[in-house]
Amino acid sequence: MSPVTPETYLLVAIAFGFAVSIGAHYTGACMGMPYAAGAIRASRALLLMAPLAFVGAVLASGRVESTVGHGILSAPTVDLDLAIAIVGAALVLTSAYNFLTIPTSTIQILVFSTVGAGLAAGLGIEWRTIGSLLALWAVAPFAAFALGYVYVRAADRLRPVGGTSSGLTRTAVTGLVGVGAAASFAMGANDVANASGSFVMTGTFDLVVAAAVGGAGLALGVLTWGKPLLERVAFDLVKLDPRMATSAQLAQSTVILVSVAFGLFTSMNQALVGAMIGTGVARGAAPVLWKPIRTILIGWAAGPVSGLVLGGAFAILLLHRAPL
C-alpha cells in the first residue's frame, strides 16, 4: 500500500463516488428484464441486486482489476493526480449520462479517459490491450444478439408461444429473477474495476480491498439512485414477454461472464440491447422500440470520444497544479 496523502483521500472519495454512479447506471441492465415482465417489484429488484453486485466484485473481478490497473498504461504505478484525472473524468461523464437517463458504456468511458490522460501525461499506452478490448466491444453485442435469438427459438420450439408457459407462471418468475441475479453478480465482476482499478494502478490498495471498496459503492448506487435507469431499460426499449426477457438477460450474462473469465470487460448495456434485439428478431422484430435504441447508440458513440477529451483535459489541469 502506498503512503497516505491528501491526494489518496481524494482518489478514494472520487473512485467511490464513481462506483456509486456505476451501480445506479446498470440497474436496468441487470434487473430491467424481470422488472419489465412483472416478476419482481422495483424495490425488491434493487434489494436483490445490491448484495449480488458486491459479491461479484469481491469474488470475481480480480483479472479485470489487473487489466485496468496494469494493462492500459505502460507504467508500473500511476501518479495519484493522474488517477484522479482519469476517475474524475469518468465520473463526470457517467453522472451526466445517468442524469439524462441514457444507458451508455462506463467501461468505454473509463478506458478512453485513461488513454486520454495517459497521452496527456506522456505515458505509453498498451495498444494491444486496447485492441483486444475494441475487438471484444465490437463482437459482444452481436454475440448477445445471436444468443438471445437462439435461446428464444429453442424455448419456443420446446413449448410454443401461446402454450401454458407463455404467461407469468411460477417457473417464469423464478427464471426471470434468477437471470437478473446472475446479471447482478456479473455486473459486479465486470464493472467494479472501472472505479477501483485506480486503486490498483496507484498501489493504494491490493486487489481484494480495492474490489471491496468498489463493490460497496456499487451496492450503494443501486439502492440510492438506481430506479430511473431501471425504469428506462425496463419499459422504454423493448416489449418482452417473460420468455423473451429471460432469454435476453441470460444471453447478456453469458457474454459478460465469459469476457470476465479472460480478464476483459465489456458493456452490460450493449450486451443487453443486443440480446433484446435478438429476441425481438426471433419474434419478427415487432417488439423492439428502435427510436430509444438510436438515442442510446448516440450515447455509446459519444462516450469514448468524450472520455478521451475530458480525461486528457483533467490530466493537464491536475498535473500542473500546486500540491495539496
C-alpha atoms as a PDB file:
ATOM      1  CA  MET A   1       0.000   0.000   0.000  1.00  0.00           C
ATOM      2  CA  SER A   2       1.363   3.439  -0.950  1.00  0.00           C
ATOM      3  CA  PRO A   3       1.796   6.223   1.665  1.00  0.00           C
ATOM      4  CA  VAL A   4      -1.416   8.006   2.619  1.00  0.00           C
ATOM      5  CA  THR A   5      -1.582  11.622   1.402  1.00  0.00           C
ATOM      6  CA  PRO A   6      -4.395  14.143   0.856  1.00  0.00           C
ATOM      7  CA  GLU A   7      -4.436  13.005  -2.758  1.00  0.00           C
ATOM      8  CA  THR A   8      -5.071   9.441  -1.554  1.00  0.00           C
ATOM      9  CA  TYR A   9      -8.203  10.501   0.297  1.00  0.00           C
ATOM     10  CA  LEU A  10      -9.358  12.472  -2.740  1.00  0.00           C
ATOM     11  CA  LEU A  11      -8.841   9.486  -5.045  1.00  0.00           C
ATOM     12  CA  VAL A  12     -10.760   7.176  -2.712  1.00  0.00           C
ATOM     13  CA  ALA A  13     -13.636   9.653  -2.475  1.00  0.00           C
ATOM     14  CA  ILE A  14     -13.867  10.165  -6.240  1.00  0.00           C
ATOM     15  CA  ALA A  15     -13.495   6.465  -7.060  1.00  0.00           C
ATOM     16  CA  PHE A  16     -16.134   5.517  -4.502  1.00  0.00           C
ATOM     17  CA  GLY A  17     -18.450   8.147  -5.977  1.00  0.00           C
ATOM     18  CA  PHE A  18     -17.803   6.715  -9.425  1.00  0.00           C
ATOM     19  CA  ALA A  19     -18.682   3.234  -8.150  1.00  0.00           C
ATOM     20  CA  VAL A  20     -21.956   4.628  -6.782  1.00  0.00           C
ATOM     21  CA  SER A  21     -22.702   6.123 -10.196  1.00  0.00           C
ATOM     22  CA  ILE A  22     -21.878   2.833 -11.936  1.00  0.00           C
ATOM     23  CA  GLY A  23     -24.145   0.863  -9.619  1.00  0.00           C
ATOM     24  CA  ALA A  24     -27.044   3.167 -10.411  1.00  0.00           C
ATOM     25  CA  HIS A  25     -26.234   3.148 -14.123  1.00  0.00           C
ATOM     26  CA  TYR A  26     -26.565  -0.622 -14.502  1.00  0.00           C
ATOM     27  CA  THR A  27     -29.759  -1.352 -12.579  1.00  0.00           C
ATOM     28  CA  GLY A  28     -31.722  -1.537 -15.820  1.00  0.00           C
ATOM     29  CA  ALA A  29     -29.100  -3.723 -17.469  1.00  0.00           C
ATOM     30  CA  CYS A  30     -29.281  -6.237 -14.610  1.00  0.00           C
ATOM     31  CA  MET A  31     -32.850  -6.206 -13.311  1.00  0.00           C
ATOM     32  CA  GLY A  32     -34.725  -4.487 -16.141  1.00  0.00           C
ATOM     33  CA  MET A  33     -35.981  -7.712 -17.695  1.00  0.00           C
ATOM     34  CA  PRO A  34     -37.531  -9.326 -14.594  1.00  0.00           C
ATOM     35  CA  TYR A  35     -38.958  -5.957 -13.557  1.00  0.00           C
ATOM     36  CA  ALA A  36     -40.451  -5.282 -17.002  1.00  0.00           C
ATOM     37  CA  ALA A  37     -42.061  -8.699 -17.054  1.00  0.00           C
ATOM     38  CA  GLY A  38     -43.644  -8.161 -13.650  1.00  0.00           C
ATOM     39  CA  ALA A  39     -41.654 -10.913 -11.922  1.00  0.00           C
ATOM     40  CA  ILE A  40     -40.357  -8.602  -9.209  1.00  0.00           C
ATOM     41  CA  ARG A  41     -41.146  -5.128  -7.856  1.00  0.00           C
ATOM     42  CA  ALA A  42     -38.630  -2.334  -8.254  1.00  0.00           C
ATOM     43  CA  SER A  43     -37.730  -2.121  -4.565  1.00  0.00           C
ATOM     44  CA  ARG A  44     -37.136  -5.862  -4.291  1.00  0.00           C
ATOM     45  CA  ALA A  45     -35.165  -5.896  -7.533  1.00  0.00           C
ATOM     46  CA  LEU A  46     -32.766  -3.289  -6.175  1.00  0.00           C
ATOM     47  CA  LEU A  47     -32.504  -5.025  -2.774  1.00  0.00           C
ATOM     48  CA  LEU A  48     -31.603  -8.275  -4.547  1.00  0.00           C
ATOM     49  CA  MET A  49     -29.165  -6.670  -6.935  1.00  0.00           C
ATOM     50  CA  ALA A  50     -27.097  -4.674  -4.440  1.00  0.00           C
ATOM     51  CA  PRO A  51     -25.532  -7.534  -2.415  1.00  0.00           C
ATOM     52  CA  LEU A  52     -25.010  -9.667  -5.504  1.00  0.00           C
ATOM     53  CA  ALA A  53     -23.108  -6.865  -7.211  1.00  0.00           C
ATOM     54  CA  PHE A  54     -20.913  -6.569  -4.114  1.00  0.00           C
ATOM     55  CA  VAL A  55     -20.252 -10.322  -4.040  1.00  0.00           C
ATOM     56  CA  GLY A  56     -19.443 -10.396  -7.741  1.00  0.00           C
ATOM     57  CA  ALA A  57     -16.985  -7.547  -7.262  1.00  0.00           C
ATOM     58  CA  VAL A  58     -15.198  -9.232  -4.363  1.00  0.00           C
ATOM     59  CA  LEU A  59     -15.121 -12.781  -5.712  1.00  0.00           C
ATOM     60  CA  ALA A  60     -14.778 -12.489  -9.485  1.00  0.00           C
ATOM     61  CA  SER A  61     -13.241  -9.152 -10.505  1.00  0.00           C
ATOM     62  CA  GLY A  62      -9.549  -9.869  -9.898  1.00  0.00           C
ATOM     63  CA  ARG A  63      -8.459 -10.401 -13.502  1.00  0.00           C
ATOM     64  CA  VAL A  64     -10.352  -7.361 -14.744  1.00  0.00           C
ATOM     65  CA  GLU A  65      -8.903  -5.260 -11.892  1.00  0.00           C
ATOM     66  CA  SER A  66      -5.435  -6.285 -13.067  1.00  0.00           C
ATOM     67  CA  THR A  67      -6.264  -5.340 -16.650  1.00  0.00           C
ATOM     68  CA  VAL A  68      -7.354  -1.836 -15.620  1.00  0.00           C
ATOM     69  CA  GLY A  69      -4.573  -1.409 -13.075  1.00  0.00           C
ATOM     70  CA  HIS A  70      -1.661  -2.639 -15.166  1.00  0.00           C
ATOM     71  CA  GLY A  71      -2.840  -3.365 -18.696  1.00  0.00           C
ATOM     72  CA  ILE A  72      -3.778   0.010 -20.201  1.00  0.00           C
ATOM     73  CA  LEU A  73      -0.918   2.378 -19.294  1.00  0.00           C
ATOM     74  CA  SER A  74       2.728   1.373 -19.713  1.00  0.00           C
ATOM     75  CA  ALA A  75       3.790   2.246 -16.181  1.00  0.00           C
ATOM     76  CA  PRO A  76       4.340   0.054 -13.101  1.00  0.00           C
ATOM     77  CA  THR A  77       2.449   2.583 -10.966  1.00  0.00           C
ATOM     78  CA  VAL A  78       0.496   5.703 -11.836  1.00  0.00           C
ATOM     79  CA  ASP A  79       0.717   9.085 -10.143  1.00  0.00           C
ATOM     80  CA  LEU A  80      -2.221   9.839  -7.832  1.00  0.00           C
ATOM     81  CA  ASP A  81      -3.015  13.060  -9.676  1.00  0.00           C
ATOM     82  CA  LEU A  82      -3.234  11.191 -12.965  1.00  0.00           C
ATOM     83  CA  ALA A  83      -5.515   8.557 -11.438  1.00  0.00           C
ATOM     84  CA  ILE A  84      -7.720  11.319 -10.027  1.00  0.00           C
ATOM     85  CA  ALA A  85      -7.943  12.850 -13.506  1.00  0.00           C
ATOM     86  CA  ILE A  86      -8.945   9.506 -15.028  1.00  0.00           C
ATOM     87  CA  VAL A  87     -11.606   8.610 -12.488  1.00  0.00           C
ATOM     88  CA  GLY A  88     -12.822  12.202 -12.191  1.00  0.00           C
ATOM     89  CA  ALA A  89     -13.429  12.446 -15.926  1.00  0.00           C
ATOM     90  CA  ALA A  90     -15.202   9.104 -15.998  1.00  0.00           C
ATOM     91  CA  LEU A  91     -17.335  10.060 -13.005  1.00  0.00           C
ATOM     92  CA  VAL A  92     -18.427  13.356 -14.552  1.00  0.00           C
ATOM     93  CA  LEU A  93     -19.383  11.729 -17.830  1.00  0.00           C
ATOM     94  CA  THR A  94     -21.178   8.744 -16.304  1.00  0.00           C
ATOM     95  CA  SER A  95     -23.103  11.004 -13.944  1.00  0.00           C
ATOM     96  CA  ALA A  96     -24.155  13.149 -16.882  1.00  0.00           C
ATOM     97  CA  TYR A  97     -25.467  10.106 -18.738  1.00  0.00           C
ATOM     98  CA  ASN A  98     -27.250   8.957 -15.582  1.00  0.00           C
ATOM     99  CA  PHE A  99     -28.904  12.367 -15.248  1.00  0.00           C
ATOM    100  CA  LEU A 100     -30.085  12.145 -18.853  1.00  0.00           C
ATOM    101  CA  THR A 101     -31.171   8.503 -18.264  1.00  0.00           C
ATOM    102  CA  ILE A 102     -29.192   7.382 -21.323  1.00  0.00           C
ATOM    103  CA  PRO A 103     -27.594   3.949 -20.850  1.00  0.00           C
ATOM    104  CA  THR A 104     -24.053   4.017 -22.185  1.00  0.00           C
ATOM    105  CA  SER A 105     -20.807   2.157 -21.536  1.00  0.00           C
ATOM    106  CA  THR A 106     -18.939   3.195 -18.399  1.00  0.00           C
ATOM    107  CA  ILE A 107     -16.220   0.776 -19.461  1.00  0.00           C
ATOM    108  CA  GLN A 108     -15.603   2.584 -22.726  1.00  0.00           C
ATOM    109  CA  ILE A 109     -15.702   5.943 -20.939  1.00  0.00           C
ATOM    110  CA  LEU A 110     -13.156   4.729 -18.351  1.00  0.00           C
ATOM    111  CA  VAL A 111     -10.795   3.147 -20.870  1.00  0.00           C
ATOM    112  CA  PHE A 112     -10.724   6.202 -23.119  1.00  0.00           C
ATOM    113  CA  SER A 113     -10.426   8.561 -20.145  1.00  0.00           C
ATOM    114  CA  THR A 114      -7.358   6.513 -19.193  1.00  0.00           C
ATOM    115  CA  VAL A 115      -5.954   6.718 -22.715  1.00  0.00           C
ATOM    116  CA  GLY A 116      -6.590  10.476 -22.907  1.00  0.00           C
ATOM    117  CA  ALA A 117      -4.973  11.096 -19.523  1.00  0.00           C
ATOM    118  CA  GLY A 118      -2.037   8.834 -20.338  1.00  0.00           C
ATOM    119  CA  LEU A 119      -1.366  10.600 -23.622  1.00  0.00           C
ATOM    120  CA  ALA A 120      -1.564  13.990 -21.909  1.00  0.00           C
ATOM    121  CA  ALA A 121       0.947  12.795 -19.295  1.00  0.00           C
ATOM    122  CA  GLY A 122       3.315  11.394 -21.911  1.00  0.00           C
ATOM    123  CA  LEU A 123       2.894   7.785 -20.818  1.00  0.00           C
ATOM    124  CA  GLY A 124       2.938   4.828 -23.140  1.00  0.00           C
ATOM    125  CA  ILE A 125      -0.347   3.117 -23.975  1.00  0.00           C
ATOM    126  CA  GLU A 126      -0.723  -0.671 -24.120  1.00  0.00           C
ATOM    127  CA  TRP A 127      -2.314  -0.620 -27.535  1.00  0.00           C
ATOM    128  CA  ARG A 128      -2.515  -4.406 -27.665  1.00  0.00           C
ATOM    129  CA  THR A 129      -4.880  -4.329 -24.683  1.00  0.00           C
ATOM    130  CA  ILE A 130      -6.886  -1.527 -26.295  1.00  0.00           C
ATOM    131  CA  GLY A 131      -7.102  -3.543 -29.498  1.00  0.00           C
ATOM    132  CA  SER A 132      -8.338  -6.609 -27.616  1.00  0.00           C
ATOM    133  CA  LEU A 133     -10.979  -4.530 -25.862  1.00  0.00           C
ATOM    134  CA  LEU A 134     -12.107  -2.887 -29.100  1.00  0.00           C
ATOM    135  CA  ALA A 135     -12.457  -6.300 -30.724  1.00  0.00           C
ATOM    136  CA  LEU A 136     -14.483  -7.573 -27.781  1.00  0.00           C
ATOM    137  CA  TRP A 137     -16.714  -4.480 -27.767  1.00  0.00           C
ATOM    138  CA  ALA A 138     -17.403  -4.989 -31.469  1.00  0.00           C
ATOM    139  CA  VAL A 139     -18.212  -8.675 -31.105  1.00  0.00           C
ATOM    140  CA  ALA A 140     -20.093  -8.740 -27.780  1.00  0.00           C
ATOM    141  CA  PRO A 141     -23.404  -7.143 -28.890  1.00  0.00           C
ATOM    142  CA  PHE A 142     -23.578  -9.472 -31.896  1.00  0.00           C
ATOM    143  CA  ALA A 143     -22.770 -12.491 -29.722  1.00  0.00           C
ATOM    144  CA  ALA A 144     -25.532 -11.441 -27.326  1.00  0.00           C
ATOM    145  CA  PHE A 145     -27.862 -10.899 -30.298  1.00  0.00           C
ATOM    146  CA  ALA A 146     -27.162 -14.415 -31.548  1.00  0.00           C
ATOM    147  CA  LEU A 147     -27.581 -15.986 -28.118  1.00  0.00           C
ATOM    148  CA  GLY A 148     -30.819 -14.095 -27.478  1.00  0.00           C
ATOM    149  CA  TYR A 149     -32.155 -15.261 -30.823  1.00  0.00           C
ATOM    150  CA  VAL A 150     -31.116 -18.881 -30.232  1.00  0.00           C
ATOM    151  CA  TYR A 151     -32.422 -19.002 -26.661  1.00  0.00           C
ATOM    152  CA  VAL A 152     -35.879 -17.736 -27.672  1.00  0.00           C
ATOM    153  CA  ARG A 153     -36.139 -20.019 -30.698  1.00  0.00           C
ATOM    154  CA  ALA A 154     -35.067 -23.003 -28.596  1.00  0.00           C
ATOM    155  CA  ALA A 155     -37.578 -22.153 -25.865  1.00  0.00           C
ATOM    156  CA  ASP A 156     -40.355 -21.651 -28.409  1.00  0.00           C
ATOM    157  CA  ARG A 157     -39.561 -24.985 -30.028  1.00  0.00           C
ATOM    158  CA  LEU A 158     -39.777 -26.759 -26.680  1.00  0.00           C
ATOM    159  CA  ARG A 159     -43.052 -25.055 -25.747  1.00  0.00           C
ATOM    160  CA  PRO A 160     -44.713 -22.984 -28.485  1.00  0.00           C
ATOM    161  CA  VAL A 161     -45.839 -19.421 -27.781  1.00  0.00           C
ATOM    162  CA  GLY A 162     -49.414 -19.380 -26.604  1.00  0.00           C
ATOM    163  CA  GLY A 163     -48.993 -22.590 -24.606  1.00  0.00           C
ATOM    164  CA  THR A 164     -49.281 -22.815 -20.857  1.00  0.00           C
ATOM    165  CA  SER A 165     -45.803 -21.420 -20.244  1.00  0.00           C
ATOM    166  CA  SER A 166     -46.238 -18.142 -22.142  1.00  0.00           C
ATOM    167  CA  GLY A 167     -47.732 -16.351 -19.119  1.00  0.00           C
ATOM    168  CA  LEU A 168     -46.023 -15.316 -15.902  1.00  0.00           C
ATOM    169  CA  THR A 169     -46.037 -18.693 -14.185  1.00  0.00           C
ATOM    170  CA  ARG A 170     -44.111 -19.525 -11.010  1.00  0.00           C
ATOM    171  CA  THR A 171     -41.429 -21.124 -13.169  1.00  0.00           C
ATOM    172  CA  ALA A 172     -41.201 -17.987 -15.311  1.00  0.00           C
ATOM    173  CA  VAL A 173     -40.882 -15.779 -12.232  1.00  0.00           C
ATOM    174  CA  THR A 174     -38.121 -17.989 -10.843  1.00  0.00           C
ATOM    175  CA  GLY A 175     -36.262 -17.964 -14.142  1.00  0.00           C
ATOM    176  CA  LEU A 176     -36.541 -14.215 -14.596  1.00  0.00           C
ATOM    177  CA  VAL A 177     -35.381 -13.409 -11.086  1.00  0.00           C
ATOM    178  CA  GLY A 178     -32.601 -15.980 -11.417  1.00  0.00           C
ATOM    179  CA  VAL A 179     -31.157 -14.483 -14.593  1.00  0.00           C
ATOM    180  CA  GLY A 180     -31.448 -10.994 -13.060  1.00  0.00           C
ATOM    181  CA  ALA A 181     -29.468 -12.227 -10.084  1.00  0.00           C
ATOM    182  CA  ALA A 182     -26.833 -13.732 -12.372  1.00  0.00           C
ATOM    183  CA  ALA A 183     -26.569 -10.443 -14.271  1.00  0.00           C
ATOM    184  CA  SER A 184     -26.156  -8.545 -10.987  1.00  0.00           C
ATOM    185  CA  PHE A 185     -23.258 -10.792  -9.975  1.00  0.00           C
ATOM    186  CA  ALA A 186     -21.755 -10.419 -13.453  1.00  0.00           C
ATOM    187  CA  MET A 187     -22.039  -6.636 -13.252  1.00  0.00           C
ATOM    188  CA  GLY A 188     -20.045  -6.577 -10.015  1.00  0.00           C
ATOM    189  CA  ALA A 189     -17.319  -8.708 -11.570  1.00  0.00           C
ATOM    190  CA  ASN A 190     -17.317  -6.818 -14.867  1.00  0.00           C
ATOM    191  CA  ASP A 191     -17.710  -3.193 -13.842  1.00  0.00           C
ATOM    192  CA  VAL A 192     -16.221  -2.592 -10.402  1.00  0.00           C
ATOM    193  CA  ALA A 193     -12.748  -2.158 -11.900  1.00  0.00           C
ATOM    194  CA  ASN A 194     -13.947   0.974 -13.691  1.00  0.00           C
ATOM    195  CA  ALA A 195     -13.735   2.688 -10.308  1.00  0.00           C
ATOM    196  CA  SER A 196     -11.461   0.541  -8.163  1.00  0.00           C
ATOM    197  CA  GLY A 197      -8.872  -0.176 -10.856  1.00  0.00           C
ATOM    198  CA  SER A 198      -7.468   3.242  -9.977  1.00  0.00           C
ATOM    199  CA  PHE A 199      -6.546   1.870  -6.535  1.00  0.00           C
ATOM    200  CA  VAL A 200      -4.565  -0.906  -8.194  1.00  0.00           C
ATOM    201  CA  MET A 201      -2.781   1.302 -10.732  1.00  0.00           C
ATOM    202  CA  THR A 202      -1.599   3.648  -7.946  1.00  0.00           C
ATOM    203  CA  GLY A 203      -0.783   0.926  -5.411  1.00  0.00           C
ATOM    204  CA  THR A 204      -3.298   2.398  -2.966  1.00  0.00           C
ATOM    205  CA  PHE A 205      -4.967  -0.954  -2.181  1.00  0.00           C
ATOM    206  CA  ASP A 206      -4.443  -4.581  -3.129  1.00  0.00           C
ATOM    207  CA  LEU A 207      -6.910  -6.369  -5.393  1.00  0.00           C
ATOM    208  CA  VAL A 208      -9.226  -7.649  -2.650  1.00  0.00           C
ATOM    209  CA  VAL A 209      -9.537  -4.364  -0.743  1.00  0.00           C
ATOM    210  CA  ALA A 210      -9.928  -2.419  -3.979  1.00  0.00           C
ATOM    211  CA  ALA A 211     -12.759  -4.729  -5.063  1.00  0.00           C
ATOM    212  CA  ALA A 212     -14.471  -4.493  -1.667  1.00  0.00           C
ATOM    213  CA  VAL A 213     -14.401  -0.693  -1.612  1.00  0.00           C
ATOM    214  CA  GLY A 214     -15.656  -0.507  -5.179  1.00  0.00           C
ATOM    215  CA  GLY A 215     -18.271  -3.178  -4.562  1.00  0.00           C
ATOM    216  CA  ALA A 216     -19.651  -1.240  -1.604  1.00  0.00           C
ATOM    217  CA  GLY A 217     -20.003   1.783  -3.868  1.00  0.00           C
ATOM    218  CA  LEU A 218     -21.834  -0.279  -6.495  1.00  0.00           C
ATOM    219  CA  ALA A 219     -24.305  -1.539  -3.905  1.00  0.00           C
ATOM    220  CA  LEU A 220     -24.927   1.948  -2.545  1.00  0.00           C
ATOM    221  CA  GLY A 221     -25.566   3.288  -6.052  1.00  0.00           C
ATOM    222  CA  VAL A 222     -28.061   0.538  -6.794  1.00  0.00           C
ATOM    223  CA  LEU A 223     -30.027   1.300  -3.651  1.00  0.00           C
ATOM    224  CA  THR A 224     -29.982   5.092  -3.757  1.00  0.00           C
ATOM    225  CA  TRP A 225     -30.029   6.159  -7.410  1.00  0.00           C
ATOM    226  CA  GLY A 226     -30.900   3.101  -9.435  1.00  0.00           C
ATOM    227  CA  LYS A 227     -34.616   3.306 -10.082  1.00  0.00           C
ATOM    228  CA  PRO A 228     -34.657   5.796 -13.036  1.00  0.00           C
ATOM    229  CA  LEU A 229     -32.322   3.628 -15.143  1.00  0.00           C
ATOM    230  CA  LEU A 230     -34.275   0.544 -14.127  1.00  0.00           C
ATOM    231  CA  GLU A 231     -37.444   2.166 -15.462  1.00  0.00           C
ATOM    232  CA  ARG A 232     -35.721   3.334 -18.656  1.00  0.00           C
ATOM    233  CA  VAL A 233     -34.462  -0.062 -19.753  1.00  0.00           C
ATOM    234  CA  ALA A 234     -37.475  -1.973 -18.483  1.00  0.00           C
ATOM    235  CA  PHE A 235     -40.224  -0.048 -20.239  1.00  0.00           C
ATOM    236  CA  ASP A 236     -38.782   2.207 -22.962  1.00  0.00           C
ATOM    237  CA  LEU A 237     -36.646  -0.115 -25.058  1.00  0.00           C
ATOM    238  CA  VAL A 238     -38.490  -3.307 -25.837  1.00  0.00           C
ATOM    239  CA  LYS A 239     -41.785  -5.058 -25.210  1.00  0.00           C
ATOM    240  CA  LEU A 240     -40.959  -8.520 -23.922  1.00  0.00           C
ATOM    241  CA  ASP A 241     -42.902 -11.493 -22.760  1.00  0.00           C
ATOM    242  CA  PRO A 242     -41.383 -13.484 -19.862  1.00  0.00           C
ATOM    243  CA  ARG A 243     -39.636 -15.970 -22.134  1.00  0.00           C
ATOM    244  CA  MET A 244     -38.011 -13.233 -24.223  1.00  0.00           C
ATOM    245  CA  ALA A 245     -36.957 -11.341 -21.100  1.00  0.00           C
ATOM    246  CA  THR A 246     -35.366 -14.443 -19.590  1.00  0.00           C
ATOM    247  CA  SER A 247     -33.545 -15.229 -22.836  1.00  0.00           C
ATOM    248  CA  ALA A 248     -32.234 -11.679 -23.213  1.00  0.00           C
ATOM    249  CA  GLN A 249     -30.918 -11.494 -19.661  1.00  0.00           C
ATOM    250  CA  LEU A 250     -29.372 -14.976 -19.907  1.00  0.00           C
ATOM    251  CA  ALA A 251     -27.636 -14.081 -23.179  1.00  0.00           C
ATOM    252  CA  GLN A 252     -26.229 -10.911 -21.639  1.00  0.00           C
ATOM    253  CA  SER A 253     -24.919 -12.725 -18.550  1.00  0.00           C
ATOM    254  CA  THR A 254     -23.299 -15.403 -20.694  1.00  0.00           C
ATOM    255  CA  VAL A 255     -21.373 -12.846 -22.747  1.00  0.00           C
ATOM    256  CA  ILE A 256     -20.278 -10.851 -19.688  1.00  0.00           C
ATOM    257  CA  LEU A 257     -19.098 -13.805 -17.593  1.00  0.00           C
ATOM    258  CA  VAL A 258     -17.146 -15.318 -20.495  1.00  0.00           C
ATOM    259  CA  SER A 259     -15.418 -11.953 -21.038  1.00  0.00           C
ATOM    260  CA  VAL A 260     -14.573 -11.597 -17.338  1.00  0.00           C
ATOM    261  CA  ALA A 261     -13.071 -15.094 -17.309  1.00  0.00           C
ATOM    262  CA  PHE A 262     -10.475 -13.847 -19.821  1.00  0.00           C
ATOM    263  CA  GLY A 263      -9.702 -10.702 -17.806  1.00  0.00           C
ATOM    264  CA  LEU A 264     -11.579  -8.443 -20.227  1.00  0.00           C
ATOM    265  CA  PHE A 265     -14.701  -6.363 -19.705  1.00  0.00           C
ATOM    266  CA  THR A 266     -17.444  -5.200 -21.980  1.00  0.00           C
ATOM    267  CA  SER A 267     -20.619  -3.156 -21.805  1.00  0.00           C
ATOM    268  CA  MET A 268     -23.545  -4.599 -19.854  1.00  0.00           C
ATOM    269  CA  ASN A 269     -25.919  -2.303 -21.729  1.00  0.00           C
ATOM    270  CA  GLN A 270     -24.567  -3.134 -25.166  1.00  0.00           C
ATOM    271  CA  ALA A 271     -24.811  -6.851 -24.435  1.00  0.00           C
ATOM    272  CA  LEU A 272     -28.362  -6.474 -23.119  1.00  0.00           C
ATOM    273  CA  VAL A 273     -29.609  -4.347 -26.001  1.00  0.00           C
ATOM    274  CA  GLY A 274     -28.024  -6.750 -28.482  1.00  0.00           C
ATOM    275  CA  ALA A 275     -29.731  -9.645 -26.726  1.00  0.00           C
ATOM    276  CA  MET A 276     -33.085  -7.824 -26.642  1.00  0.00           C
ATOM    277  CA  ILE A 277     -32.898  -7.114 -30.363  1.00  0.00           C
ATOM    278  CA  GLY A 278     -32.045 -10.780 -30.946  1.00  0.00           C
ATOM    279  CA  THR A 279     -35.140 -11.899 -29.054  1.00  0.00           C
ATOM    280  CA  GLY A 280     -37.226  -9.358 -30.965  1.00  0.00           C
ATOM    281  CA  VAL A 281     -35.953 -10.545 -34.335  1.00  0.00           C
ATOM    282  CA  ALA A 282     -36.683 -14.121 -33.296  1.00  0.00           C
ATOM    283  CA  ARG A 283     -40.292 -12.997 -32.870  1.00  0.00           C
ATOM    284  CA  GLY A 284     -40.431 -10.946 -36.077  1.00  0.00           C
ATOM    285  CA  ALA A 285     -38.786  -7.709 -34.801  1.00  0.00           C
ATOM    286  CA  ALA A 286     -42.094  -6.084 -33.825  1.00  0.00           C
ATOM    287  CA  PRO A 287     -41.374  -5.908 -30.047  1.00  0.00           C
ATOM    288  CA  VAL A 288     -38.251  -3.752 -30.463  1.00  0.00           C
ATOM    289  CA  LEU A 289     -38.661   0.006 -29.995  1.00  0.00           C
ATOM    290  CA  TRP A 290     -35.992   1.402 -32.303  1.00  0.00           C
ATOM    291  CA  LYS A 291     -36.240   5.130 -31.515  1.00  0.00           C
ATOM    292  CA  PRO A 292     -34.933   4.879 -27.923  1.00  0.00           C
ATOM    293  CA  ILE A 293     -32.252   2.455 -29.076  1.00  0.00           C
ATOM    294  CA  ARG A 294     -30.984   5.013 -31.594  1.00  0.00           C
ATOM    295  CA  THR A 295     -30.688   7.509 -28.725  1.00  0.00           C
ATOM    296  CA  ILE A 296     -28.595   5.028 -26.776  1.00  0.00           C
ATOM    297  CA  LEU A 297     -26.365   4.364 -29.790  1.00  0.00           C
ATOM    298  CA  ILE A 298     -25.600   8.086 -29.904  1.00  0.00           C
ATOM    299  CA  GLY A 299     -24.592   7.916 -26.241  1.00  0.00           C
ATOM    300  CA  TRP A 300     -22.310   4.979 -26.944  1.00  0.00           C
ATOM    301  CA  ALA A 301     -20.608   6.861 -29.766  1.00  0.00           C
ATOM    302  CA  ALA A 302     -20.146   9.995 -27.658  1.00  0.00           C
ATOM    303  CA  GLY A 303     -18.870   8.156 -24.566  1.00  0.00           C
ATOM    304  CA  PRO A 304     -15.393   7.133 -25.791  1.00  0.00           C
ATOM    305  CA  VAL A 305     -14.775  10.456 -27.539  1.00  0.00           C
ATOM    306  CA  SER A 306     -15.834  12.494 -24.526  1.00  0.00           C
ATOM    307  CA  GLY A 307     -13.761  10.246 -22.251  1.00  0.00           C
ATOM    308  CA  LEU A 308     -10.654  10.754 -24.369  1.00  0.00           C
ATOM    309  CA  VAL A 309     -11.080  14.536 -24.409  1.00  0.00           C
ATOM    310  CA  LEU A 310     -12.085  15.044 -20.778  1.00  0.00           C
ATOM    311  CA  GLY A 311      -9.501  12.593 -19.430  1.00  0.00           C
ATOM    312  CA  GLY A 312      -6.760  14.465 -21.267  1.00  0.00           C
ATOM    313  CA  ALA A 313      -8.052  17.851 -20.138  1.00  0.00           C
ATOM    314  CA  PHE A 314      -8.289  16.796 -16.487  1.00  0.00           C
ATOM    315  CA  ALA A 315      -4.783  15.312 -16.630  1.00  0.00           C
ATOM    316  CA  ILE A 316      -3.306  18.550 -17.979  1.00  0.00           C
ATOM    317  CA  LEU A 317      -5.041  20.554 -15.261  1.00  0.00           C
ATOM    318  CA  LEU A 318      -4.129  18.293 -12.342  1.00  0.00           C
ATOM    319  CA  LEU A 319      -0.558  17.537 -13.344  1.00  0.00           C
ATOM    320  CA  HIS A 320       0.224  21.264 -13.372  1.00  0.00           C
ATOM    321  CA  ARG A 321      -1.492  22.225 -10.128  1.00  0.00           C
ATOM    322  CA  ALA A 322       0.129  23.058  -6.812  1.00  0.00           C
ATOM    323  CA  PRO A 323       0.354  20.101  -4.338  1.00  0.00           C
ATOM    324  CA  LEU A 324      -2.398  19.785  -1.707  1.00  0.00           C
END
